[in-house]
Amino acid sequence: MFISKLEPEDSIGMTTFDGQAHLIFEPILKKDIGQDIYSRLDEIKANGQNDLMAGFELSKKLLLKQRN
């Protein structure tokens, strides 16, 4: 999985989008990732809808929140 490529101090968060944006998990340091995060990633399924802008907007909001 791509998370294994991160360094311990790297940060990652995840959003998905279909008809709307969904928060999978807020930004977290790789060293703090637990099994619950991997379980959430395993549950992501495609359903055919696409609201790309909502996904970008939610991701942007989370990045700006982390930066402050």
C-alpha atoms as a PDB file:
ATOM      1  CA  MET A   1       0.000   0.000   0.000  1.00  0.00           C
ATOM      2  CA  PHE A   2       1.168   3.541  -0.716  1.00  0.00           C
ATOM      3  CA  ILE A   3       1.292   4.381   3.005  1.00  0.00           C
ATOM      4  CA  SER A   4       4.295   2.076   3.423  1.00  0.00           C
ATOM      5  CA  LYS A   5       6.304   4.492   1.223  1.00  0.00           C
ATOM      6  CA  LEU A   6       5.849   7.378   3.680  1.00  0.00           C
ATOM      7  CA  GLU A   7       8.414   8.412   6.272  1.00  0.00           C
ATOM      8  CA  PRO A   8       7.316   8.323   9.958  1.00  0.00           C
ATOM      9  CA  GLU A   9       6.991  12.137  10.099  1.00  0.00           C
ATOM     10  CA  ASP A  10       5.037  12.394   6.814  1.00  0.00           C
ATOM     11  CA  SER A  11       1.405  13.393   7.103  1.00  0.00           C
ATOM     12  CA  ILE A  12      -1.517  11.928   5.183  1.00  0.00           C
ATOM     13  CA  GLY A  13      -5.273  12.415   5.165  1.00  0.00           C
ATOM     14  CA  MET A  14      -7.922  10.914   2.908  1.00  0.00           C
ATOM     15  CA  THR A  15     -11.119  12.135   1.324  1.00  0.00           C
ATOM     16  CA  THR A  16     -13.271  10.414  -1.273  1.00  0.00           C
ATOM     17  CA  PHE A  17     -16.059  11.709  -3.444  1.00  0.00           C
ATOM     18  CA  ASP A  18     -19.080  10.402  -5.268  1.00  0.00           C
ATOM     19  CA  GLY A  19     -22.235  12.503  -5.313  1.00  0.00           C
ATOM     20  CA  GLN A  20     -20.602  14.386  -2.418  1.00  0.00           C
ATOM     21  CA  ALA A  21     -17.295  14.513  -0.537  1.00  0.00           C
ATOM     22  CA  HIS A  22     -16.565  12.149   2.356  1.00  0.00           C
ATOM     23  CA  LEU A  23     -13.856  12.374   4.992  1.00  0.00           C
ATOM     24  CA  ILE A  24     -12.116   9.020   5.460  1.00  0.00           C
ATOM     25  CA  PHE A  25      -9.610  10.373   7.987  1.00  0.00           C
ATOM     26  CA  GLU A  26      -8.083  13.741   8.886  1.00  0.00           C
ATOM     27  CA  PRO A  27      -4.370  14.364   8.330  1.00  0.00           C
ATOM     28  CA  ILE A  28      -2.292  12.177  10.625  1.00  0.00           C
ATOM     29  CA  LEU A  29       1.412  11.372  10.912  1.00  0.00           C
ATOM     30  CA  LYS A  30       2.382   8.029   9.420  1.00  0.00           C
ATOM     31  CA  LYS A  31       3.868   6.932  12.747  1.00  0.00           C
ATOM     32  CA  ASP A  32       0.430   7.416  14.373  1.00  0.00           C
ATOM     33  CA  ILE A  33      -1.558   5.384  11.835  1.00  0.00           C
ATOM     34  CA  GLY A  34      -3.345   2.437  13.427  1.00  0.00           C
ATOM     35  CA  GLN A  35      -5.276  -0.517  12.096  1.00  0.00           C
ATOM     36  CA  ASP A  36      -8.479   1.540  12.103  1.00  0.00           C
ATOM     37  CA  ILE A  37      -7.098   3.694   9.264  1.00  0.00           C
ATOM     38  CA  TYR A  38      -6.218   0.631   7.178  1.00  0.00           C
ATOM     39  CA  SER A  39      -9.702  -0.760   7.824  1.00  0.00           C
ATOM     40  CA  ARG A  40     -11.287   2.476   6.594  1.00  0.00           C
ATOM     41  CA  LEU A  41      -9.157   2.348   3.436  1.00  0.00           C
ATOM     42  CA  ASP A  42     -10.214  -1.259   2.792  1.00  0.00           C
ATOM     43  CA  GLU A  43     -13.875  -0.206   2.963  1.00  0.00           C
ATOM     44  CA  ILE A  44     -13.620   2.353   0.117  1.00  0.00           C
ATOM     45  CA  LYS A  45     -15.716   1.281  -2.857  1.00  0.00           C
ATOM     46  CA  ALA A  46     -16.448   2.939  -6.189  1.00  0.00           C
ATOM     47  CA  ASN A  47     -20.109   3.593  -6.896  1.00  0.00           C
ATOM     48  CA  GLY A  48     -19.995   5.360 -10.254  1.00  0.00           C
ATOM     49  CA  GLN A  49     -20.872   8.916  -9.261  1.00  0.00           C
ATOM     50  CA  ASN A  50     -18.377  11.759  -9.388  1.00  0.00           C
ATOM     51  CA  ASP A  51     -18.280  15.143  -7.680  1.00  0.00           C
ATOM     52  CA  LEU A  52     -14.579  15.818  -8.045  1.00  0.00           C
ATOM     53  CA  MET A  53     -14.859  19.449  -6.940  1.00  0.00           C
ATOM     54  CA  ALA A  54     -16.428  18.496  -3.606  1.00  0.00           C
ATOM     55  CA  GLY A  55     -13.509  16.113  -2.982  1.00  0.00           C
ATOM     56  CA  PHE A  56     -10.969  18.817  -3.791  1.00  0.00           C
ATOM     57  CA  GLU A  57     -12.742  21.386  -1.609  1.00  0.00           C
ATOM     58  CA  LEU A  58     -12.849  19.068   1.411  1.00  0.00           C
ATOM     59  CA  SER A  59      -9.174  18.162   0.931  1.00  0.00           C
ATOM     60  CA  LYS A  60      -8.230  21.838   0.636  1.00  0.00           C
ATOM     61  CA  LYS A  61     -10.123  22.646   3.846  1.00  0.00           C
ATOM     62  CA  LEU A  62      -8.257  19.904   5.720  1.00  0.00           C
ATOM     63  CA  LEU A  63      -4.853  21.010   4.392  1.00  0.00           C
ATOM     64  CA  LEU A  64      -5.475  24.634   5.368  1.00  0.00           C
ATOM     65  CA  LYS A  65      -6.678  23.549   8.816  1.00  0.00           C
ATOM     66  CA  GLN A  66      -3.467  21.512   9.335  1.00  0.00           C
ATOM     67  CA  ARG A  67      -1.283  24.406   8.170  1.00  0.00           C
ATOM     68  CA  ASN A  68      -2.662  26.841  10.765  1.00  0.00           C
END
